[in-house]
Amino acid sequence: MEPKPNLYYAIAFFLGLGLPLGFIVGRDLLNDTIQTTDDIKNNTKVPLLGNVGFSKTDSNIVVNPNSRSAVAEMFRMLRTNLQFMIAGQSPQVIW
Protein backbone atom coordinates (compact mmCIF):
# COMPACT_ATOMS: atom_id res chain seq x y z
CA MET A 1 0.00 0.00 0.00
CA GLU A 2 1.59 3.23 -1.12
CA PRO A 3 0.90 6.77 0.16
CA LYS A 4 -1.78 8.80 -1.61
CA PRO A 5 -0.55 12.40 -1.65
CA ASN A 6 -3.67 13.79 -3.34
CA LEU A 7 -5.85 12.40 -0.56
CA TYR A 8 -3.56 13.86 2.11
CA TYR A 9 -3.56 17.27 0.40
CA ALA A 10 -7.37 17.23 0.18
CA ILE A 11 -7.73 16.29 3.84
CA ALA A 12 -5.25 19.00 4.88
CA PHE A 13 -7.05 21.57 2.71
CA PHE A 14 -10.48 20.84 4.20
CA LEU A 15 -9.13 20.73 7.74
CA GLY A 16 -7.31 24.02 7.13
CA LEU A 17 -10.58 25.65 6.09
CA GLY A 18 -12.98 23.71 8.29
CA LEU A 19 -11.33 24.09 11.69
CA PRO A 20 -11.03 27.91 11.66
CA LEU A 21 -14.49 28.27 10.12
CA GLY A 22 -15.97 25.92 12.71
CA PHE A 23 -14.27 27.86 15.50
CA ILE A 24 -15.62 31.19 14.24
CA VAL A 25 -19.17 29.88 13.76
CA GLY A 26 -19.11 28.12 17.14
CA ARG A 27 -17.89 31.22 18.94
CA ASP A 28 -20.64 33.27 17.29
CA LEU A 29 -23.32 30.74 18.24
CA LEU A 30 -22.17 30.70 21.88
CA ASN A 31 -22.04 34.52 22.12
CA ASP A 32 -24.90 35.65 24.37
CA THR A 33 -23.92 39.29 24.87
CA ILE A 34 -25.70 42.35 23.51
CA GLN A 35 -23.59 43.78 20.70
CA THR A 36 -25.94 46.27 19.00
CA THR A 37 -29.31 47.88 19.56
CA ASP A 38 -30.70 45.52 16.92
CA ASP A 39 -30.12 42.63 19.36
CA ILE A 40 -32.53 44.29 21.79
CA LYS A 41 -35.07 45.23 19.11
CA ASN A 42 -35.13 41.75 17.56
CA ASN A 43 -35.28 39.73 20.79
CA THR A 44 -37.57 41.78 23.04
CA LYS A 45 -40.71 43.88 22.90
CA VAL A 46 -39.18 46.56 25.12
CA PRO A 47 -39.15 50.06 23.62
CA LEU A 48 -35.64 51.38 23.14
CA LEU A 49 -35.48 54.92 24.48
CA GLY A 50 -31.78 55.55 23.90
CA ASN A 51 -28.30 54.33 24.55
CA VAL A 52 -25.40 55.74 26.52
CA GLY A 53 -21.83 55.46 25.33
CA PHE A 54 -18.75 54.73 27.38
CA SER A 55 -16.81 57.62 28.89
CA LYS A 56 -13.11 57.19 29.63
CA THR A 57 -12.90 60.20 31.96
CA ASP A 58 -11.99 59.79 35.61
CA SER A 59 -14.93 61.90 36.76
CA ASN A 60 -17.69 60.13 38.72
CA ILE A 61 -20.27 62.71 37.69
CA VAL A 62 -20.80 62.37 33.97
CA VAL A 63 -23.32 65.16 33.41
CA ASN A 64 -22.47 68.63 34.68
CA PRO A 65 -24.85 71.56 34.12
CA ASN A 66 -22.61 73.09 31.42
CA SER A 67 -21.22 69.87 29.97
CA ARG A 68 -21.60 69.46 26.19
CA SER A 69 -19.87 66.10 25.85
CA ALA A 70 -21.37 63.27 23.82
CA VAL A 71 -22.13 61.19 26.91
CA ALA A 72 -23.87 64.13 28.60
CA GLU A 73 -26.02 64.65 25.51
CA MET A 74 -26.90 60.94 25.47
CA PHE A 75 -28.10 61.16 29.08
CA ARG A 76 -30.15 64.25 28.25
CA MET A 77 -31.73 62.48 25.27
CA LEU A 78 -32.57 59.46 27.46
CA ARG A 79 -34.12 61.70 30.12
CA THR A 80 -36.19 63.53 27.49
CA ASN A 81 -37.42 60.25 25.98
CA LEU A 82 -38.36 58.95 29.44
CA GLN A 83 -40.32 62.13 30.18
CA PHE A 84 -42.09 61.82 26.82
CA MET A 85 -43.02 58.16 27.45
CA ILE A 86 -44.54 58.79 30.92
CA ALA A 87 -46.21 62.13 30.15
CA GLY A 88 -49.72 62.29 31.55
CA GLN A 89 -49.53 58.94 33.36
CA SER A 90 -50.13 58.73 37.05
CA PRO A 91 -48.32 57.45 39.07
CA GLN A 92 -45.09 57.98 37.18
CA VAL A 93 -43.28 54.72 37.88
CA ILE A 94 -40.79 53.13 35.51
CA TRP A 95 -40.33 49.34 35.68
C-alpha atoms as a PDB file:
ATOM      1  CA  MET A   1       0.000   0.000   0.000  1.00  0.00           C
ATOM      2  CA  GLU A   2       1.588   3.233  -1.123  1.00  0.00           C
ATOM      3  CA  PRO A   3       0.902   6.765   0.164  1.00  0.00           C
ATOM      4  CA  LYS A   4      -1.783   8.799  -1.608  1.00  0.00           C
ATOM      5  CA  PRO A   5      -0.545  12.402  -1.646  1.00  0.00           C
ATOM      6  CA  ASN A   6      -3.671  13.794  -3.338  1.00  0.00           C
ATOM      7  CA  LEU A   7      -5.847  12.395  -0.558  1.00  0.00           C
ATOM      8  CA  TYR A   8      -3.557  13.864   2.105  1.00  0.00           C
ATOM      9  CA  TYR A   9      -3.563  17.274   0.401  1.00  0.00           C
ATOM     10  CA  ALA A  10      -7.373  17.228   0.182  1.00  0.00           C
ATOM     11  CA  ILE A  11      -7.732  16.292   3.844  1.00  0.00           C
ATOM     12  CA  ALA A  12      -5.249  19.001   4.880  1.00  0.00           C
ATOM     13  CA  PHE A  13      -7.051  21.567   2.705  1.00  0.00           C
ATOM     14  CA  PHE A  14     -10.476  20.839   4.195  1.00  0.00           C
ATOM     15  CA  LEU A  15      -9.128  20.733   7.742  1.00  0.00           C
ATOM     16  CA  GLY A  16      -7.311  24.020   7.128  1.00  0.00           C
ATOM     17  CA  LEU A  17     -10.577  25.651   6.087  1.00  0.00           C
ATOM     18  CA  GLY A  18     -12.977  23.707   8.293  1.00  0.00           C
ATOM     19  CA  LEU A  19     -11.332  24.094  11.691  1.00  0.00           C
ATOM     20  CA  PRO A  20     -11.034  27.911  11.661  1.00  0.00           C
ATOM     21  CA  LEU A  21     -14.493  28.270  10.117  1.00  0.00           C
ATOM     22  CA  GLY A  22     -15.973  25.923  12.713  1.00  0.00           C
ATOM     23  CA  PHE A  23     -14.267  27.857  15.503  1.00  0.00           C
ATOM     24  CA  ILE A  24     -15.619  31.190  14.242  1.00  0.00           C
ATOM     25  CA  VAL A  25     -19.167  29.880  13.761  1.00  0.00           C
ATOM     26  CA  GLY A  26     -19.115  28.116  17.136  1.00  0.00           C
ATOM     27  CA  ARG A  27     -17.888  31.219  18.938  1.00  0.00           C
ATOM     28  CA  ASP A  28     -20.638  33.270  17.286  1.00  0.00           C
ATOM     29  CA  LEU A  29     -23.321  30.744  18.235  1.00  0.00           C
ATOM     30  CA  LEU A  30     -22.174  30.703  21.875  1.00  0.00           C
ATOM     31  CA  ASN A  31     -22.042  34.516  22.119  1.00  0.00           C
ATOM     32  CA  ASP A  32     -24.895  35.653  24.369  1.00  0.00           C
ATOM     33  CA  THR A  33     -23.921  39.292  24.873  1.00  0.00           C
ATOM     34  CA  ILE A  34     -25.703  42.354  23.510  1.00  0.00           C
ATOM     35  CA  GLN A  35     -23.594  43.781  20.704  1.00  0.00           C
ATOM     36  CA  THR A  36     -25.940  46.266  19.003  1.00  0.00           C
ATOM     37  CA  THR A  37     -29.313  47.877  19.557  1.00  0.00           C
ATOM     38  CA  ASP A  38     -30.701  45.516  16.915  1.00  0.00           C
ATOM     39  CA  ASP A  39     -30.119  42.626  19.360  1.00  0.00           C
ATOM     40  CA  ILE A  40     -32.532  44.290  21.793  1.00  0.00           C
ATOM     41  CA  LYS A  41     -35.066  45.226  19.113  1.00  0.00           C
ATOM     42  CA  ASN A  42     -35.133  41.745  17.564  1.00  0.00           C
ATOM     43  CA  ASN A  43     -35.278  39.732  20.793  1.00  0.00           C
ATOM     44  CA  THR A  44     -37.567  41.783  23.043  1.00  0.00           C
ATOM     45  CA  LYS A  45     -40.706  43.876  22.899  1.00  0.00           C
ATOM     46  CA  VAL A  46     -39.177  46.559  25.122  1.00  0.00           C
ATOM     47  CA  PRO A  47     -39.152  50.065  23.621  1.00  0.00           C
ATOM     48  CA  LEU A  48     -35.643  51.381  23.139  1.00  0.00           C
ATOM     49  CA  LEU A  49     -35.476  54.924  24.479  1.00  0.00           C
ATOM     50  CA  GLY A  50     -31.785  55.553  23.903  1.00  0.00           C
ATOM     51  CA  ASN A  51     -28.296  54.326  24.551  1.00  0.00           C
ATOM     52  CA  VAL A  52     -25.398  55.743  26.516  1.00  0.00           C
ATOM     53  CA  GLY A  53     -21.829  55.462  25.330  1.00  0.00           C
ATOM     54  CA  PHE A  54     -18.752  54.729  27.384  1.00  0.00           C
ATOM     55  CA  SER A  55     -16.810  57.620  28.893  1.00  0.00           C
ATOM     56  CA  LYS A  56     -13.109  57.186  29.631  1.00  0.00           C
ATOM     57  CA  THR A  57     -12.904  60.200  31.961  1.00  0.00           C
ATOM     58  CA  ASP A  58     -11.988  59.786  35.611  1.00  0.00           C
ATOM     59  CA  SER A  59     -14.927  61.905  36.764  1.00  0.00           C
ATOM     60  CA  ASN A  60     -17.687  60.129  38.720  1.00  0.00           C
ATOM     61  CA  ILE A  61     -20.275  62.713  37.695  1.00  0.00           C
ATOM     62  CA  VAL A  62     -20.799  62.366  33.973  1.00  0.00           C
ATOM     63  CA  VAL A  63     -23.315  65.161  33.409  1.00  0.00           C
ATOM     64  CA  ASN A  64     -22.474  68.628  34.679  1.00  0.00           C
ATOM     65  CA  PRO A  65     -24.848  71.563  34.116  1.00  0.00           C
ATOM     66  CA  ASN A  66     -22.612  73.094  31.422  1.00  0.00           C
ATOM     67  CA  SER A  67     -21.223  69.871  29.968  1.00  0.00           C
ATOM     68  CA  ARG A  68     -21.604  69.461  26.192  1.00  0.00           C
ATOM     69  CA  SER A  69     -19.872  66.100  25.849  1.00  0.00           C
ATOM     70  CA  ALA A  70     -21.369  63.268  23.815  1.00  0.00           C
ATOM     71  CA  VAL A  71     -22.134  61.192  26.910  1.00  0.00           C
ATOM     72  CA  ALA A  72     -23.865  64.131  28.603  1.00  0.00           C
ATOM     73  CA  GLU A  73     -26.024  64.652  25.514  1.00  0.00           C
ATOM     74  CA  MET A  74     -26.896  60.940  25.473  1.00  0.00           C
ATOM     75  CA  PHE A  75     -28.096  61.156  29.077  1.00  0.00           C
ATOM     76  CA  ARG A  76     -30.151  64.253  28.249  1.00  0.00           C
ATOM     77  CA  MET A  77     -31.726  62.477  25.273  1.00  0.00           C
ATOM     78  CA  LEU A  78     -32.569  59.458  27.458  1.00  0.00           C
ATOM     79  CA  ARG A  79     -34.125  61.704  30.125  1.00  0.00           C
ATOM     80  CA  THR A  80     -36.193  63.530  27.489  1.00  0.00           C
ATOM     81  CA  ASN A  81     -37.418  60.252  25.979  1.00  0.00           C
ATOM     82  CA  LEU A  82     -38.362  58.947  29.445  1.00  0.00           C
ATOM     83  CA  GLN A  83     -40.315  62.132  30.175  1.00  0.00           C
ATOM     84  CA  PHE A  84     -42.085  61.815  26.822  1.00  0.00           C
ATOM     85  CA  MET A  85     -43.021  58.162  27.452  1.00  0.00           C
ATOM     86  CA  ILE A  86     -44.536  58.789  30.918  1.00  0.00           C
ATOM     87  CA  ALA A  87     -46.208  62.126  30.152  1.00  0.00           C
ATOM     88  CA  GLY A  88     -49.718  62.286  31.545  1.00  0.00           C
ATOM     89  CA  GLN A  89     -49.529  58.945  33.363  1.00  0.00           C
ATOM     90  CA  SER A  90     -50.129  58.725  37.053  1.00  0.00           C
ATOM     91  CA  PRO A  91     -48.316  57.454  39.075  1.00  0.00           C
ATOM     92  CA  GLN A  92     -45.088  57.982  37.180  1.00  0.00           C
ATOM     93  CA  VAL A  93     -43.279  54.724  37.877  1.00  0.00           C
ATOM     94  CA  ILE A  94     -40.785  53.131  35.506  1.00  0.00           C
ATOM     95  CA  TRP A  95     -40.328  49.339  35.682  1.00  0.00           C
END
